[in-house]
Amino acid sequence: MEEIIPLKRSVIPALDVKSLTDLNEIIEGTHDVEGIGGYKVGFSLGLKHGLDSTMSVIRKITDKPVIYDHQKAGTDIPDTGKVFMDVCSDVDIDAVILFPQSGPNTQTAWTEAAKERGLKVIIGGEMTHPGYLEGEDGYIRNEAPDKIYARAVDEGVTNFVVPGNRIPRMEHYRDLIKETGLENPTFFSPGLVAQGGVISEGAKAMGDLSWHAIVGRAITGAEDKHAAAEELTKNLEDS
C-alpha cells in the first residue's frame, strides 16, 4: 500500500491561494492541529510562484506530506508525464493527483513516470460539480470513472479521489474498488463544506477505511485558521 498520510483520518487543507504571504499564514495556523494530515497545493501557487518557492515556504514550517493537484493533471499525451513528474520530484512533492481523462495510455504512462521518481499517485475519476458526466449533460461518459479506477487498481494504485459532496457516488466507488480485492484502499474527498459536502457524512460513508477530507475555503477564508481547522477535524470520525 502506498501510504501518503500517516493518519487514518485527517483534514487536508487545499492551498488554493495566490499569495505566498497567505500560504505562510495558513501553514502557520494549521500545521500543529492534530487532525491536519498534510496539504494540497494547486495551480494558483504553482503557476504564479513556482513549486520550488511554494514548497520552500511550506518546508520552513512543516514536514507534513504535500500533494500536488494541477487541476487536472493526466490529460496530455503519454510522453509528457515524465517532464511533469520530473518537476514535482525535483521540489520534493510527496504525491500527485491525476485525473486521466485523455485515456488509458496516458494514465499508464503518467502513473509509471510518477512511481519511477518516487512520487505516490492518487487517481480521480469523477469531479464534484454538476455537468461533468454524460448523464448530467457533461462530456465524460458515465462509465468512464469506473474504468479509470479499475485500471488504477490494476496498476498498483491504492489512493483515490472521490467526490465528497455526492455520498451515493462515494459509496459506489468505495464498493467498486473493494470488489477488486484491493485491501485497505485510501480515499480523498474534495467538495466539502463550501461545495455542500458534510465531513461527518463522508466519514460515515467510508466506514472503517482510510479517508481524508480535502477542505479549501472553510480554512483558507477563515479569520482564525487554527480554530477553523480544529473545528473541522472534530467531524472526522464515523458517527
Foldseek 3Di string as FASTA:
>chain_A
DDDQFPDLEAAEEEPPDQDLVLVLVLLVQAVPQPRHGYYEYEVNNCVRPNPQVSLVSNVVRDPHAYEYCDPAPQDDDLVCLLVVLVSCLVNPHAEYEHANQNDDSSLLSNCVSNVVSNHAYEYEHDEADAQPEVVRVHDHDPCRRLVRLVVCVVNPHQEYEDEQQDLVRLLVSLVSNVVVVDPQGEYEYECPDVNRGDQLSSLQSNPSHRYYYYDYCQQSVDPNNNVSRNVNSVSNHHD
